[in-house]
Amino acid sequence: MSGAGLTPLLVLGLGAAVDLWVYNDAKRQAALERPVVFRAGSLVVATPAAWAVACLLLWVVFLPLYAASRRTS
């Protein structure tokens, strides 16, 4: 497979690795009684599963939000 053919696989692998890290880190923070929570109006992302799904679906938005919310928790 050529380098150009591997690019989508590398991007998907990186996305999966980051999503797994977000889930595990959010789970660890919750276990330490420091849950990572983001609120904007009626939108609330507060559980490790919610963070993982949000990052999986729209990582460009939710990964930076996770990082910023994690620092303030």
PDB file of N, CA and C in Angstrom:
ATOM      1  N   MET A   1       0.844  -1.177   0.000  1.00  0.00           N
ATOM      2  CA  MET A   1       0.000   0.000   0.000  1.00  0.00           C
ATOM      3  C   MET A   1       0.892   1.244   0.000  1.00  0.00           C
ATOM      4  N   SER A   2       0.507   2.237  -0.761  1.00  0.00           N
ATOM      5  CA  SER A   2       1.314   3.454  -0.858  1.00  0.00           C
ATOM      6  C   SER A   2       1.130   4.334   0.373  1.00  0.00           C
ATOM      7  N   GLY A   3       1.995   5.316   0.510  1.00  0.00           N
ATOM      8  CA  GLY A   3       1.916   6.241   1.633  1.00  0.00           C
ATOM      9  C   GLY A   3       0.596   6.980   1.672  1.00  0.00           C
ATOM     10  N   ALA A   4       0.086   7.369   0.499  1.00  0.00           N
ATOM     11  CA  ALA A   4      -1.188   8.083   0.437  1.00  0.00           C
ATOM     12  C   ALA A   4      -2.340   7.181   0.867  1.00  0.00           C
ATOM     13  N   GLY A   5      -2.212   5.883   0.613  1.00  0.00           N
ATOM     14  CA  GLY A   5      -3.248   4.947   1.014  1.00  0.00           C
ATOM     15  C   GLY A   5      -3.253   4.687   2.511  1.00  0.00           C
ATOM     16  N   LEU A   6      -2.106   4.881   3.154  1.00  0.00           N
ATOM     17  CA  LEU A   6      -2.013   4.658   4.597  1.00  0.00           C
ATOM     18  C   LEU A   6      -2.484   5.852   5.412  1.00  0.00           C
ATOM     19  N   THR A   7      -2.531   7.010   4.816  1.00  0.00           N
ATOM     20  CA  THR A   7      -2.892   8.228   5.549  1.00  0.00           C
ATOM     21  C   THR A   7      -4.247   8.125   6.244  1.00  0.00           C
ATOM     22  N   PRO A   8      -5.308   7.689   5.556  1.00  0.00           N
ATOM     23  CA  PRO A   8      -6.599   7.587   6.262  1.00  0.00           C
ATOM     24  C   PRO A   8      -6.543   6.593   7.431  1.00  0.00           C
ATOM     25  N   LEU A   9      -5.799   5.511   7.265  1.00  0.00           N
ATOM     26  CA  LEU A   9      -5.681   4.538   8.346  1.00  0.00           C
ATOM     27  C   LEU A   9      -4.933   5.122   9.537  1.00  0.00           C
ATOM     28  N   LEU A  10      -3.900   5.909   9.270  1.00  0.00           N
ATOM     29  CA  LEU A  10      -3.160   6.549  10.345  1.00  0.00           C
ATOM     30  C   LEU A  10      -4.024   7.569  11.088  1.00  0.00           C
ATOM     31  N   VAL A  11      -4.812   8.316  10.344  1.00  0.00           N
ATOM     32  CA  VAL A  11      -5.701   9.308  10.955  1.00  0.00           C
ATOM     33  C   VAL A  11      -6.752   8.609  11.822  1.00  0.00           C
ATOM     34  N   LEU A  12      -7.331   7.526  11.308  1.00  0.00           N
ATOM     35  CA  LEU A  12      -8.319   6.779  12.097  1.00  0.00           C
ATOM     36  C   LEU A  12      -7.686   6.164  13.340  1.00  0.00           C
ATOM     37  N   GLY A  13      -6.490   5.630  13.195  1.00  0.00           N
ATOM     38  CA  GLY A  13      -5.792   5.060  14.343  1.00  0.00           C
ATOM     39  C   GLY A  13      -5.475   6.102  15.392  1.00  0.00           C
ATOM     40  N   LEU A  14      -5.024   7.269  14.957  1.00  0.00           N
ATOM     41  CA  LEU A  14      -4.738   8.358  15.883  1.00  0.00           C
ATOM     42  C   LEU A  14      -6.007   8.817  16.592  1.00  0.00           C
ATOM     43  N   GLY A  15      -7.095   8.930  15.829  1.00  0.00           N
ATOM     44  CA  GLY A  15      -8.373   9.325  16.426  1.00  0.00           C
ATOM     45  C   GLY A  15      -8.851   8.322  17.459  1.00  0.00           C
ATOM     46  N   ALA A  16      -8.711   7.046  17.159  1.00  0.00           N
ATOM     47  CA  ALA A  16      -9.114   6.001  18.101  1.00  0.00           C
ATOM     48  C   ALA A  16      -8.250   6.040  19.358  1.00  0.00           C
ATOM     49  N   ALA A  17      -6.945   6.254  19.184  1.00  0.00           N
ATOM     50  CA  ALA A  17      -6.035   6.315  20.336  1.00  0.00           C
ATOM     51  C   ALA A  17      -6.369   7.512  21.229  1.00  0.00           C
ATOM     52  N   VAL A  18      -6.629   8.652  20.626  1.00  0.00           N
ATOM     53  CA  VAL A  18      -6.975   9.854  21.399  1.00  0.00           C
ATOM     54  C   VAL A  18      -8.308   9.654  22.117  1.00  0.00           C
ATOM     55  N   ASP A  19      -9.277   9.066  21.424  1.00  0.00           N
ATOM     56  CA  ASP A  19     -10.576   8.813  22.036  1.00  0.00           C
ATOM     57  C   ASP A  19     -10.452   7.856  23.222  1.00  0.00           C
ATOM     58  N   LEU A  20      -9.642   6.846  23.087  1.00  0.00           N
ATOM     59  CA  LEU A  20      -9.412   5.906  24.181  1.00  0.00           C
ATOM     60  C   LEU A  20      -8.731   6.603  25.362  1.00  0.00           C
ATOM     61  N   TRP A  21      -7.779   7.497  25.064  1.00  0.00           N
ATOM     62  CA  TRP A  21      -7.114   8.244  26.126  1.00  0.00           C
ATOM     63  C   TRP A  21      -8.119   9.141  26.862  1.00  0.00           C
ATOM     64  N   VAL A  22      -8.975   9.837  26.112  1.00  0.00           N
ATOM     65  CA  VAL A  22      -9.975  10.718  26.730  1.00  0.00           C
ATOM     66  C   VAL A  22     -10.873   9.901  27.651  1.00  0.00           C
ATOM     67  N   TYR A  23     -11.348   8.759  27.179  1.00  0.00           N
ATOM     68  CA  TYR A  23     -12.228   7.923  28.002  1.00  0.00           C
ATOM     69  C   TYR A  23     -11.521   7.470  29.276  1.00  0.00           C
ATOM     70  N   ASN A  24     -10.323   6.936  29.138  1.00  0.00           N
ATOM     71  CA  ASN A  24      -9.593   6.441  30.312  1.00  0.00           C
ATOM     72  C   ASN A  24      -9.238   7.563  31.281  1.00  0.00           C
ATOM     73  N   ASP A  25      -8.850   8.710  30.756  1.00  0.00           N
ATOM     74  CA  ASP A  25      -8.504   9.829  31.626  1.00  0.00           C
ATOM     75  C   ASP A  25      -9.741  10.368  32.342  1.00  0.00           C
ATOM     76  N   ALA A  26     -10.852  10.492  31.636  1.00  0.00           N
ATOM     77  CA  ALA A  26     -12.085  10.971  32.262  1.00  0.00           C
ATOM     78  C   ALA A  26     -12.550   9.986  33.330  1.00  0.00           C
ATOM     79  N   LYS A  27     -12.388   8.702  33.066  1.00  0.00           N
ATOM     80  CA  LYS A  27     -12.759   7.678  34.051  1.00  0.00           C
ATOM     81  C   LYS A  27     -11.873   7.779  35.292  1.00  0.00           C
ATOM     82  N   ARG A  28     -10.589   8.013  35.079  1.00  0.00           N
ATOM     83  CA  ARG A  28      -9.659   8.151  36.208  1.00  0.00           C
ATOM     84  C   ARG A  28      -9.970   9.411  37.019  1.00  0.00           C
ATOM     85  N   GLN A  29     -10.263  10.498  36.333  1.00  0.00           N
ATOM     86  CA  GLN A  29     -10.604  11.742  37.031  1.00  0.00           C
ATOM     87  C   GLN A  29     -11.885  11.567  37.849  1.00  0.00           C
ATOM     88  N   ALA A  30     -12.858  10.853  37.299  1.00  0.00           N
ATOM     89  CA  ALA A  30     -14.104  10.603  38.034  1.00  0.00           C
ATOM     90  C   ALA A  30     -13.840   9.734  39.259  1.00  0.00           C
ATOM     91  N   ALA A  31     -12.963   8.756  39.124  1.00  0.00           N
ATOM     92  CA  ALA A  31     -12.628   7.895  40.267  1.00  0.00           C
ATOM     93  C   ALA A  31     -11.924   8.679  41.367  1.00  0.00           C
ATOM     94  N   LEU A  32     -11.190   9.719  40.983  1.00  0.00           N
ATOM     95  CA  LEU A  32     -10.510  10.575  41.956  1.00  0.00           C
ATOM     96  C   LEU A  32     -11.428  11.678  42.487  1.00  0.00           C
ATOM     97  N   GLU A  33     -12.710  11.585  42.130  1.00  0.00           N
ATOM     98  CA  GLU A  33     -13.731  12.567  42.520  1.00  0.00           C
ATOM     99  C   GLU A  33     -13.436  13.962  41.987  1.00  0.00           C
ATOM    100  N   ARG A  34     -12.866  13.994  40.791  1.00  0.00           N
ATOM    101  CA  ARG A  34     -12.631  15.244  40.055  1.00  0.00           C
ATOM    102  C   ARG A  34     -13.173  15.089  38.648  1.00  0.00           C
ATOM    103  N   PRO A  35     -14.497  14.887  38.501  1.00  0.00           N
ATOM    104  CA  PRO A  35     -15.031  14.642  37.152  1.00  0.00           C
ATOM    105  C   PRO A  35     -14.800  15.841  36.242  1.00  0.00           C
ATOM    106  N   VAL A  36     -14.572  15.552  34.990  1.00  0.00           N
ATOM    107  CA  VAL A  36     -14.388  16.604  33.984  1.00  0.00           C
ATOM    108  C   VAL A  36     -15.771  16.918  33.432  1.00  0.00           C
ATOM    109  N   VAL A  37     -16.206  18.164  33.619  1.00  0.00           N
ATOM    110  CA  VAL A  37     -17.561  18.557  33.241  1.00  0.00           C
ATOM    111  C   VAL A  37     -17.499  19.803  32.375  1.00  0.00           C
ATOM    112  N   PHE A  38     -18.287  19.796  31.297  1.00  0.00           N
ATOM    113  CA  PHE A  38     -18.436  20.966  30.446  1.00  0.00           C
ATOM    114  C   PHE A  38     -19.919  21.269  30.347  1.00  0.00           C
ATOM    115  N   ARG A  39     -20.272  22.538  30.565  1.00  0.00           N
ATOM    116  CA  ARG A  39     -21.665  22.983  30.452  1.00  0.00           C
ATOM    117  C   ARG A  39     -21.720  24.208  29.553  1.00  0.00           C
ATOM    118  N   ALA A  40     -22.667  24.167  28.627  1.00  0.00           N
ATOM    119  CA  ALA A  40     -22.952  25.324  27.774  1.00  0.00           C
ATOM    120  C   ALA A  40     -24.451  25.314  27.507  1.00  0.00           C
ATOM    121  N   GLY A  41     -25.169  26.130  28.215  1.00  0.00           N
ATOM    122  CA  GLY A  41     -26.621  26.120  28.090  1.00  0.00           C
ATOM    123  C   GLY A  41     -27.175  24.786  28.550  1.00  0.00           C
ATOM    124  N   SER A  42     -27.928  24.141  27.682  1.00  0.00           N
ATOM    125  CA  SER A  42     -28.507  22.844  28.045  1.00  0.00           C
ATOM    126  C   SER A  42     -27.579  21.670  27.707  1.00  0.00           C
ATOM    127  N   LEU A  43     -26.453  21.942  27.079  1.00  0.00           N
ATOM    128  CA  LEU A  43     -25.487  20.895  26.746  1.00  0.00           C
ATOM    129  C   LEU A  43     -24.587  20.633  27.944  1.00  0.00           C
ATOM    130  N   VAL A  44     -24.590  19.407  28.429  1.00  0.00           N
ATOM    131  CA  VAL A  44     -23.740  19.012  29.555  1.00  0.00           C
ATOM    132  C   VAL A  44     -23.009  17.732  29.152  1.00  0.00           C
ATOM    133  N   VAL A  45     -21.682  17.784  29.221  1.00  0.00           N
ATOM    134  CA  VAL A  45     -20.861  16.600  28.971  1.00  0.00           C
ATOM    135  C   VAL A  45     -20.138  16.334  30.286  1.00  0.00           C
ATOM    136  N   ALA A  46     -20.513  15.220  30.952  1.00  0.00           N
ATOM    137  CA  ALA A  46     -20.000  15.025  32.300  1.00  0.00           C
ATOM    138  C   ALA A  46     -19.491  13.620  32.592  1.00  0.00           C
ATOM    139  N   THR A  47     -19.823  12.646  31.766  1.00  0.00           N
ATOM    140  CA  THR A  47     -19.397  11.275  32.050  1.00  0.00           C
ATOM    141  C   THR A  47     -18.280  10.868  31.095  1.00  0.00           C
ATOM    142  N   PRO A  48     -17.469   9.895  31.491  1.00  0.00           N
ATOM    143  CA  PRO A  48     -16.421   9.414  30.576  1.00  0.00           C
ATOM    144  C   PRO A  48     -16.987   8.933  29.242  1.00  0.00           C
ATOM    145  N   ALA A  49     -18.117   8.252  29.284  1.00  0.00           N
ATOM    146  CA  ALA A  49     -18.726   7.773  28.036  1.00  0.00           C
ATOM    147  C   ALA A  49     -19.180   8.937  27.155  1.00  0.00           C
ATOM    148  N   ALA A  50     -19.751   9.968  27.766  1.00  0.00           N
ATOM    149  CA  ALA A  50     -20.188  11.138  27.000  1.00  0.00           C
ATOM    150  C   ALA A  50     -18.995  11.843  26.364  1.00  0.00           C
ATOM    151  N   TRP A  51     -17.901  11.974  27.099  1.00  0.00           N
ATOM    152  CA  TRP A  51     -16.695  12.584  26.541  1.00  0.00           C
ATOM    153  C   TRP A  51     -16.156  11.759  25.377  1.00  0.00           C
ATOM    154  N   ALA A  52     -16.146  10.436  25.540  1.00  0.00           N
ATOM    155  CA  ALA A  52     -15.630   9.569  24.480  1.00  0.00           C
ATOM    156  C   ALA A  52     -16.472   9.679  23.216  1.00  0.00           C
ATOM    157  N   VAL A  53     -17.781   9.649  23.360  1.00  0.00           N
ATOM    158  CA  VAL A  53     -18.661   9.751  22.192  1.00  0.00           C
ATOM    159  C   VAL A  53     -18.534  11.121  21.541  1.00  0.00           C
ATOM    160  N   ALA A  54     -18.505  12.172  22.345  1.00  0.00           N
ATOM    161  CA  ALA A  54     -18.373  13.527  21.802  1.00  0.00           C
ATOM    162  C   ALA A  54     -17.057  13.679  21.044  1.00  0.00           C
ATOM    163  N   CYS A  55     -15.975  13.169  21.616  1.00  0.00           N
ATOM    164  CA  CYS A  55     -14.671  13.258  20.938  1.00  0.00           C
ATOM    165  C   CYS A  55     -14.630  12.396  19.688  1.00  0.00           C
ATOM    166  N   LEU A  56     -15.300  11.265  19.726  1.00  0.00           N
ATOM    167  CA  LEU A  56     -15.344  10.389  18.559  1.00  0.00           C
ATOM    168  C   LEU A  56     -16.089  11.052  17.406  1.00  0.00           C
ATOM    169  N   LEU A  57     -17.206  11.709  17.723  1.00  0.00           N
ATOM    170  CA  LEU A  57     -18.024  12.310  16.681  1.00  0.00           C
ATOM    171  C   LEU A  57     -17.503  13.660  16.197  1.00  0.00           C
ATOM    172  N   LEU A  58     -16.967  14.466  17.101  1.00  0.00           N
ATOM    173  CA  LEU A  58     -16.556  15.823  16.730  1.00  0.00           C
ATOM    174  C   LEU A  58     -15.298  16.199  17.500  1.00  0.00           C
ATOM    175  N   TRP A  59     -14.216  15.475  17.234  1.00  0.00           N
ATOM    176  CA  TRP A  59     -12.993  15.628  18.018  1.00  0.00           C
ATOM    177  C   TRP A  59     -12.378  17.013  17.897  1.00  0.00           C
ATOM    178  N   VAL A  60     -12.557  17.673  16.777  1.00  0.00           N
ATOM    179  CA  VAL A  60     -11.965  19.000  16.578  1.00  0.00           C
ATOM    180  C   VAL A  60     -12.504  19.997  17.608  1.00  0.00           C
ATOM    181  N   VAL A  61     -13.739  19.807  18.032  1.00  0.00           N
ATOM    182  CA  VAL A  61     -14.355  20.695  19.014  1.00  0.00           C
ATOM    183  C   VAL A  61     -14.153  20.165  20.433  1.00  0.00           C
ATOM    184  N   PHE A  62     -14.448  18.887  20.645  1.00  0.00           N
ATOM    185  CA  PHE A  62     -14.510  18.365  22.005  1.00  0.00           C
ATOM    186  C   PHE A  62     -13.164  18.007  22.620  1.00  0.00           C
ATOM    187  N   LEU A  63     -12.157  17.696  21.834  1.00  0.00           N
ATOM    188  CA  LEU A  63     -10.842  17.420  22.426  1.00  0.00           C
ATOM    189  C   LEU A  63     -10.269  18.674  23.101  1.00  0.00           C
ATOM    190  N   PRO A  64     -10.283  19.835  22.441  1.00  0.00           N
ATOM    191  CA  PRO A  64      -9.830  21.044  23.151  1.00  0.00           C
ATOM    192  C   PRO A  64     -10.728  21.402  24.345  1.00  0.00           C
ATOM    193  N   LEU A  65     -12.045  21.182  24.215  1.00  0.00           N
ATOM    194  CA  LEU A  65     -12.940  21.440  25.344  1.00  0.00           C
ATOM    195  C   LEU A  65     -12.618  20.519  26.513  1.00  0.00           C
ATOM    196  N   TYR A  66     -12.286  19.268  26.211  1.00  0.00           N
ATOM    197  CA  TYR A  66     -11.917  18.326  27.274  1.00  0.00           C
ATOM    198  C   TYR A  66     -10.656  18.814  27.977  1.00  0.00           C
ATOM    199  N   ALA A  67      -9.663  19.188  27.197  1.00  0.00           N
ATOM    200  CA  ALA A  67      -8.398  19.644  27.782  1.00  0.00           C
ATOM    201  C   ALA A  67      -8.618  20.892  28.648  1.00  0.00           C
ATOM    202  N   ALA A  68      -9.413  21.821  28.166  1.00  0.00           N
ATOM    203  CA  ALA A  68      -9.671  23.039  28.939  1.00  0.00           C
ATOM    204  C   ALA A  68     -10.510  22.742  30.186  1.00  0.00           C
ATOM    205  N   SER A  69     -11.511  21.883  30.051  1.00  0.00           N
ATOM    206  CA  SER A  69     -12.359  21.537  31.191  1.00  0.00           C
ATOM    207  C   SER A  69     -11.594  20.732  32.221  1.00  0.00           C
ATOM    208  N   ARG A  70     -10.653  19.920  31.774  1.00  0.00           N
ATOM    209  CA  ARG A  70      -9.869  19.093  32.682  1.00  0.00           C
ATOM    210  C   ARG A  70      -8.983  19.969  33.558  1.00  0.00           C
ATOM    211  N   ARG A  71      -8.443  21.014  33.017  1.00  0.00           N
ATOM    212  CA  ARG A  71      -7.562  21.905  33.793  1.00  0.00           C
ATOM    213  C   ARG A  71      -8.317  22.633  34.898  1.00  0.00           C
ATOM    214  N   THR A  72      -9.585  22.916  34.662  1.00  0.00           N
ATOM    215  CA  THR A  72     -10.343  23.678  35.660  1.00  0.00           C
ATOM    216  C   THR A  72     -11.027  22.786  36.676  1.00  0.00           C
ATOM    217  N   SER A  73     -10.997  21.468  36.462  1.00  0.00           N
ATOM    218  CA  SER A  73     -11.680  20.588  37.414  1.00  0.00           C
ATOM    219  C   SER A  73     -10.773  20.151  38.531  1.00  0.00           C
TER     220      SER A  73
END
